[in-house]
Amino acid sequence: MTEALFILLIVIITALAFDFTNGFHDTANAMATSIATGALKPKVAVALSAVLNFVGAFLSIEVALTVSNKVVNIQGADGSPIPALMGTPILTVVFAGLVGGILWNLVTGCSDCRPPPRTPSSAA
């Protein structure tokens, strides 16, 4: 197994983990009303959200284009990747973006998981 193939497998696994953590936000926001009103059972709502979240990733590439053209300059004038970045370097950039997204999802998606703030000892 070559180094690039190994990194590609790691990137694919990380992308699946990102999609899973991204579902924390999407499911809570999109399905809360349907569950609260009784229109959908929780299991059906979560399954529907999972399918739609997966399909949605293939419907639009606008965010990816903005990042690759404006934020990180990884494309040449013709839209193809810069040759020097092909292989391991481009996979490393994608991996770093996925890890950043996972960390963001975990930090911002688990606000209910944090312990309550401590009461000052003077209030006790």
Protein backbone atom coordinates (compact mmCIF):
# COMPACT_ATOMS: atom_id res chain seq x y z
CA MET A 1 0.00 0.00 0.00
CA THR A 2 1.44 3.35 -1.02
CA GLU A 3 1.56 6.37 1.25
CA ALA A 4 -0.99 8.26 -0.86
CA LEU A 5 -3.43 5.34 -0.82
CA PHE A 6 -3.13 5.01 2.96
CA ILE A 7 -3.77 8.74 3.43
CA LEU A 8 -6.73 8.53 1.01
CA LEU A 9 -8.30 5.80 3.15
CA ILE A 10 -7.77 7.91 6.28
CA VAL A 11 -9.37 10.91 4.52
CA ILE A 12 -12.40 8.81 3.50
CA ILE A 13 -12.89 7.52 7.05
CA THR A 14 -12.49 11.06 8.40
CA ALA A 15 -15.04 12.35 5.85
CA LEU A 16 -17.56 9.77 7.07
CA ALA A 17 -16.87 10.84 10.67
CA PHE A 18 -17.39 14.47 9.65
CA ASP A 19 -20.72 13.63 8.02
CA PHE A 20 -21.78 11.87 11.22
CA THR A 21 -20.85 14.80 13.47
CA ASN A 22 -22.38 17.26 11.02
CA GLY A 23 -25.65 15.38 11.49
CA PHE A 24 -25.76 16.56 15.11
CA HIS A 25 -26.56 20.07 13.89
CA ASP A 26 -28.67 19.18 10.88
CA THR A 27 -30.90 16.67 12.62
CA ALA A 28 -31.54 18.88 15.63
CA ASN A 29 -32.38 21.92 13.51
CA ALA A 30 -34.32 20.23 10.74
CA MET A 31 -36.32 17.64 12.65
CA ALA A 32 -37.14 19.27 15.99
CA THR A 33 -40.48 20.67 14.84
CA SER A 34 -41.50 17.43 13.12
CA ILE A 35 -40.79 15.43 16.26
CA ALA A 36 -42.30 17.97 18.67
CA THR A 37 -45.56 18.16 16.74
CA GLY A 38 -45.77 14.39 16.43
CA ALA A 39 -45.64 14.46 12.64
CA LEU A 40 -42.69 12.05 12.67
CA LYS A 41 -41.50 9.51 15.20
CA PRO A 42 -37.93 10.23 16.41
CA LYS A 43 -36.39 7.18 14.72
CA VAL A 44 -38.05 8.00 11.39
CA ALA A 45 -36.99 11.64 11.64
CA VAL A 46 -33.36 10.74 12.37
CA ALA A 47 -33.28 8.21 9.52
CA LEU A 48 -34.83 10.74 7.12
CA SER A 49 -32.32 13.36 8.21
CA ALA A 50 -29.41 10.96 7.71
CA VAL A 51 -30.50 10.10 4.17
CA LEU A 52 -31.14 13.73 3.22
CA ASN A 53 -27.83 14.86 4.76
CA PHE A 54 -25.97 12.26 2.69
CA VAL A 55 -27.83 13.14 -0.53
CA GLY A 56 -27.37 16.86 0.09
CA ALA A 57 -23.62 16.48 -0.01
CA PHE A 58 -23.89 15.49 -3.68
CA LEU A 59 -26.38 18.16 -4.76
CA SER A 60 -24.19 21.24 -4.35
CA ILE A 61 -20.48 21.86 -4.52
CA GLU A 62 -20.64 25.64 -4.10
CA VAL A 63 -18.98 25.64 -0.66
CA ALA A 64 -16.17 23.42 -1.92
CA LEU A 65 -15.64 25.71 -4.91
CA THR A 66 -15.53 28.80 -2.71
CA VAL A 67 -12.99 27.23 -0.38
CA SER A 68 -10.81 25.90 -3.20
CA ASN A 69 -10.92 29.16 -5.21
CA LYS A 70 -11.06 31.92 -2.61
CA VAL A 71 -9.92 30.66 0.80
CA VAL A 72 -7.16 28.19 -0.09
CA ASN A 73 -5.50 28.64 -3.47
CA ILE A 74 -5.23 25.02 -4.64
CA GLN A 75 -6.48 25.45 -8.21
CA GLY A 76 -4.82 26.82 -11.30
CA ALA A 77 -6.41 29.22 -13.78
CA ASP A 78 -8.06 26.34 -15.66
CA GLY A 79 -9.69 24.92 -12.50
CA SER A 80 -7.46 21.90 -12.17
CA PRO A 81 -5.42 21.32 -8.99
CA ILE A 82 -1.95 22.85 -8.90
CA PRO A 83 0.40 20.05 -10.01
CA ALA A 84 2.75 20.50 -7.04
CA LEU A 85 -0.14 19.73 -4.68
CA MET A 86 -1.24 16.48 -6.31
CA GLY A 87 -1.13 13.34 -4.18
CA THR A 88 -0.21 13.50 -0.51
CA PRO A 89 -0.18 17.34 -0.13
CA ILE A 90 -3.77 17.80 -1.37
CA LEU A 91 -5.00 14.89 0.75
CA THR A 92 -3.33 16.47 3.77
CA VAL A 93 -5.15 19.76 3.10
CA VAL A 94 -8.49 17.92 2.82
CA PHE A 95 -7.74 15.93 5.98
CA ALA A 96 -6.93 19.11 7.92
CA GLY A 97 -10.19 20.70 6.80
CA LEU A 98 -12.19 17.64 7.84
CA VAL A 99 -10.54 17.48 11.26
CA GLY A 100 -11.25 21.18 11.75
CA GLY A 101 -14.89 20.62 10.80
CA ILE A 102 -15.22 17.67 13.19
CA LEU A 103 -13.74 19.69 16.06
CA TRP A 104 -16.06 22.60 15.28
CA ASN A 105 -19.08 20.27 15.24
CA LEU A 106 -18.09 18.69 18.55
CA VAL A 107 -17.43 22.01 20.30
CA THR A 108 -20.53 23.80 19.03
CA GLY A 109 -22.88 20.82 18.87
CA CYS A 110 -22.54 19.62 22.42
CA SER A 111 -23.65 22.73 24.31
CA ASP A 112 -26.15 20.63 26.29
CA CYS A 113 -23.40 18.16 27.23
CA ARG A 114 -21.31 20.63 29.21
CA PRO A 115 -21.63 20.71 32.98
CA PRO A 116 -23.39 23.77 34.40
CA PRO A 117 -21.16 26.62 35.52
CA ARG A 118 -19.92 26.35 39.10
CA THR A 119 -21.62 28.37 41.74
CA PRO A 120 -19.25 30.79 43.42
CA SER A 121 -18.36 29.71 46.94
CA SER A 122 -19.63 33.02 48.26
CA ALA A 123 -23.14 32.11 47.13
CA ALA A 124 -23.13 28.89 49.10
